[in-house]
Amino acid sequence: MAKLQKSIDKRNALVKATIELVNNNGFHATPMSKIAKMANVSPATIYLYFENKQDLVNQTYIDVKAEYTNYAFHDFDTTLSVKDGFEHIWKRIADFKLKESEHAMFLAQCDNTPMIDEPSRQEGIKHLQPLLDLWERGKKEGIIKPLSNYLLYAYSINPLSFLMINQKRGAFQLDEIHLKEAFQSAWSSIKVCK
């Protein structure tokens, strides 16, 4: 049992080091040797858990995406109205991005660069299924604009990454009033105008 925990701890240390180094240096300036050093393991140990650097980053992305979506959909009730359901998910996403900014920043980098391979990206999208299902219901009910889910995400969820990055830099403080305004802007961008 102790051996298994030690193995889990090593993998977790590698994931944590990958997130921190990619956030600070970018994907290409993060060699395996630096990841191993920061995780306090030998470089050869990485290959017990991951095939190569691409596999390490892909698996880290999937792990963090699962953590993100588990947080976002915690206590989500599918019987809520489309607006209330979206508000619940949106606020949970905002909370994650503010509380877990290192993980959120890693996901933002992954989503905005070609460093994640397409199968891993598709695996990450599967984790968003409750939100995608809510949007489909909203489209059928004539509440959500009949746009691509990529466009809906770009206009309603991605702005949170911009706000989070600027808050982290100290340029903007996302207080309760700004959060309400940001949600209203997100909702206005995807709802059908009546």
Protein backbone atom coordinates (compact mmCIF):
# COMPACT_ATOMS: atom_id res chain seq x y z
CA MET A 1 0.00 0.00 0.00
CA ALA A 2 2.83 2.41 0.87
CA LYS A 3 4.47 1.60 -2.48
CA LEU A 4 1.28 2.47 -4.35
CA GLN A 5 0.96 5.77 -2.48
CA LYS A 6 4.59 6.60 -3.24
CA SER A 7 3.90 5.94 -6.92
CA ILE A 8 0.80 8.18 -6.84
CA ASP A 9 2.80 10.89 -5.05
CA LYS A 10 5.54 10.78 -7.73
CA ARG A 11 3.02 11.05 -10.56
CA ASN A 12 1.26 13.93 -8.77
CA ALA A 13 4.60 15.70 -8.25
CA LEU A 14 5.34 15.36 -11.98
CA VAL A 15 1.91 16.77 -12.89
CA LYS A 16 2.32 19.67 -10.44
CA ALA A 17 5.81 20.47 -11.77
CA THR A 18 4.53 20.34 -15.35
CA ILE A 19 1.74 22.80 -14.59
CA GLU A 20 4.06 25.24 -12.83
CA LEU A 21 6.82 25.09 -15.44
CA VAL A 22 4.48 25.33 -18.44
CA ASN A 23 2.71 28.29 -16.81
CA ASN A 24 5.99 30.09 -16.13
CA ASN A 25 8.11 29.09 -19.13
CA GLY A 26 5.75 27.82 -21.81
CA PHE A 27 5.61 24.34 -23.31
CA HIS A 28 8.74 24.50 -25.45
CA ALA A 29 10.93 25.98 -22.70
CA THR A 30 10.01 23.19 -20.28
CA PRO A 31 12.43 20.29 -20.75
CA MET A 32 11.85 16.93 -19.07
CA SER A 33 14.99 17.45 -16.99
CA LYS A 34 13.49 20.57 -15.36
CA ILE A 35 10.21 18.76 -14.70
CA ALA A 36 12.06 15.87 -13.05
CA LYS A 37 14.21 18.22 -10.98
CA MET A 38 11.22 20.22 -9.74
CA ALA A 39 9.30 17.00 -8.96
CA ASN A 40 12.37 15.71 -7.13
CA VAL A 41 12.59 12.51 -9.18
CA SER A 42 15.15 11.15 -11.61
CA PRO A 43 14.47 11.95 -15.29
CA ALA A 44 14.10 8.21 -15.98
CA THR A 45 11.21 8.06 -13.47
CA ILE A 46 9.06 10.20 -15.77
CA TYR A 47 9.06 7.38 -18.32
CA LEU A 48 7.53 4.97 -15.80
CA TYR A 49 4.38 7.11 -15.90
CA PHE A 50 4.44 8.82 -19.30
CA GLU A 51 5.67 7.84 -22.79
CA ASN A 52 7.25 11.23 -23.51
CA LYS A 53 6.81 14.95 -22.91
CA GLN A 54 3.75 15.14 -25.18
CA ASP A 55 2.09 12.31 -23.24
CA LEU A 56 2.95 14.01 -19.92
CA VAL A 57 1.39 17.29 -21.04
CA ASN A 58 -1.66 15.57 -22.58
CA GLN A 59 -2.30 13.51 -19.44
CA THR A 60 -1.80 16.58 -17.24
CA TYR A 61 -4.31 18.45 -19.41
CA ILE A 62 -6.89 15.64 -19.10
CA ASP A 63 -6.35 15.41 -15.31
CA VAL A 64 -6.73 19.17 -14.83
CA LYS A 65 -9.72 19.32 -17.21
CA ALA A 66 -11.43 16.58 -15.18
CA GLU A 67 -10.73 18.45 -11.93
CA TYR A 68 -12.08 21.66 -13.50
CA THR A 69 -15.28 20.11 -14.78
CA ASN A 70 -15.90 18.10 -11.59
CA TYR A 71 -15.75 21.41 -9.75
CA ALA A 72 -17.88 23.22 -12.35
CA PHE A 73 -20.67 20.63 -12.33
CA HIS A 74 -20.68 19.87 -8.60
CA ASP A 75 -24.29 19.93 -7.35
CA PHE A 76 -25.57 20.78 -10.84
CA ASP A 77 -29.28 20.00 -11.12
CA THR A 78 -30.43 19.17 -14.66
CA THR A 79 -33.99 20.22 -13.77
CA LEU A 80 -32.99 23.89 -13.37
CA SER A 81 -34.13 26.31 -16.04
CA VAL A 82 -31.58 26.90 -18.81
CA LYS A 83 -30.65 30.32 -17.42
CA ASP A 84 -30.37 29.12 -13.81
CA GLY A 85 -28.41 26.05 -14.88
CA PHE A 86 -26.02 28.16 -16.92
CA GLU A 87 -25.64 30.62 -14.04
CA HIS A 88 -24.80 27.77 -11.63
CA ILE A 89 -22.17 26.32 -13.99
CA TRP A 90 -20.76 29.73 -14.97
CA LYS A 91 -20.32 30.80 -11.33
CA ARG A 92 -18.65 27.50 -10.44
CA ILE A 93 -16.27 27.95 -13.40
CA ALA A 94 -15.51 31.51 -12.30
CA ASP A 95 -14.89 30.31 -8.75
CA PHE A 96 -12.52 27.58 -9.99
CA LYS A 97 -10.60 30.02 -12.17
CA LEU A 98 -10.13 32.39 -9.24
CA LYS A 99 -9.37 29.80 -6.55
CA GLU A 100 -7.33 27.41 -8.70
CA SER A 101 -5.67 30.00 -10.90
CA GLU A 102 -2.54 27.89 -11.61
CA HIS A 103 -4.67 25.04 -12.96
CA ALA A 104 -6.97 27.45 -14.80
CA MET A 105 -3.98 29.20 -16.36
CA PHE A 106 -2.57 25.86 -17.50
CA LEU A 107 -5.91 25.00 -19.16
CA ALA A 108 -6.06 28.42 -20.82
CA GLN A 109 -2.58 27.88 -22.28
CA CYS A 110 -3.55 24.42 -23.47
CA ASP A 111 -6.78 25.67 -25.02
CA ASN A 112 -5.03 28.50 -26.85
CA THR A 113 -1.98 26.72 -28.23
CA PRO A 114 -1.38 23.60 -30.32
CA MET A 115 0.52 21.87 -27.49
CA ILE A 116 -2.32 19.40 -26.78
CA ASP A 117 -2.97 16.69 -29.36
CA GLU A 118 -6.45 16.32 -30.86
CA PRO A 119 -7.42 13.04 -29.09
CA SER A 120 -6.61 14.63 -25.71
CA ARG A 121 -8.51 17.79 -26.67
CA GLN A 122 -11.55 15.68 -27.60
CA GLU A 123 -11.26 13.80 -24.29
CA GLY A 124 -11.24 17.19 -22.53
CA ILE A 125 -14.37 18.28 -24.41
CA LYS A 126 -16.22 15.15 -23.20
CA HIS A 127 -15.80 16.45 -19.65
CA LEU A 128 -17.94 19.48 -20.61
CA GLN A 129 -20.95 17.32 -21.54
CA PRO A 130 -23.37 18.69 -18.89
CA LEU A 131 -22.80 22.23 -20.20
CA LEU A 132 -23.13 21.09 -23.83
CA ASP A 133 -26.35 19.23 -22.97
CA LEU A 134 -27.72 22.35 -21.26
CA TRP A 135 -26.92 24.44 -24.32
CA GLU A 136 -28.60 21.88 -26.60
CA ARG A 137 -31.73 22.02 -24.44
CA GLY A 138 -31.56 25.82 -24.56
CA LYS A 139 -31.28 25.79 -28.35
CA LYS A 140 -34.28 23.46 -28.65
CA GLU A 141 -36.32 25.67 -26.31
CA GLY A 142 -35.35 28.79 -28.28
CA ILE A 143 -33.49 30.31 -25.31
CA ILE A 144 -29.88 29.87 -26.49
CA LYS A 145 -28.69 31.15 -29.86
CA PRO A 146 -28.36 28.33 -32.42
CA LEU A 147 -24.58 28.73 -32.66
CA SER A 148 -21.70 26.29 -32.57
CA ASN A 149 -20.81 25.23 -29.03
CA TYR A 150 -17.30 26.55 -29.73
CA LEU A 151 -18.77 30.02 -30.31
CA LEU A 152 -20.96 29.78 -27.22
CA TYR A 153 -17.92 28.80 -25.15
CA ALA A 154 -15.76 31.50 -26.71
CA TYR A 155 -18.24 34.25 -25.87
CA SER A 156 -19.51 33.10 -22.50
CA ILE A 157 -16.73 31.12 -20.77
CA ASN A 158 -13.40 32.17 -22.33
CA PRO A 159 -13.69 35.80 -21.13
CA LEU A 160 -13.23 34.43 -17.60
CA SER A 161 -9.67 33.43 -18.52
CA PHE A 162 -8.92 36.98 -19.63
CA LEU A 163 -10.31 38.38 -16.39
CA MET A 164 -8.44 35.80 -14.28
CA ILE A 165 -5.11 36.58 -15.97
CA ASN A 166 -5.59 40.32 -15.46
CA GLN A 167 -6.53 39.79 -11.82
CA LYS A 168 -3.42 37.66 -11.32
CA ARG A 169 -1.33 40.49 -12.84
CA GLY A 170 -2.97 42.96 -10.44
CA ALA A 171 -4.52 45.00 -13.27
CA PHE A 172 -8.14 44.24 -12.34
CA GLN A 173 -9.99 43.02 -9.25
CA LEU A 174 -12.91 40.71 -9.95
CA ASP A 175 -15.19 41.63 -7.04
CA GLU A 176 -18.83 40.61 -6.52
CA ILE A 177 -20.19 43.48 -8.66
CA HIS A 178 -17.81 42.67 -11.53
CA LEU A 179 -18.74 38.98 -11.29
CA LYS A 180 -22.45 39.86 -11.62
CA GLU A 181 -21.69 42.13 -14.59
CA ALA A 182 -19.50 39.45 -16.18
CA PHE A 183 -22.25 36.85 -15.80
CA GLN A 184 -24.86 39.19 -17.30
CA SER A 185 -22.51 39.84 -20.24
CA ALA A 186 -21.91 36.11 -20.71
CA TRP A 187 -25.63 35.33 -20.59
CA SER A 188 -26.48 38.21 -22.95
CA SER A 189 -23.92 36.94 -25.45
CA ILE A 190 -25.58 33.52 -25.83
CA LYS A 191 -29.29 34.06 -25.13
CA VAL A 192 -31.79 34.69 -27.86
CA CYS A 193 -32.89 38.32 -27.80
CA LYS A 194 -36.66 38.64 -27.46
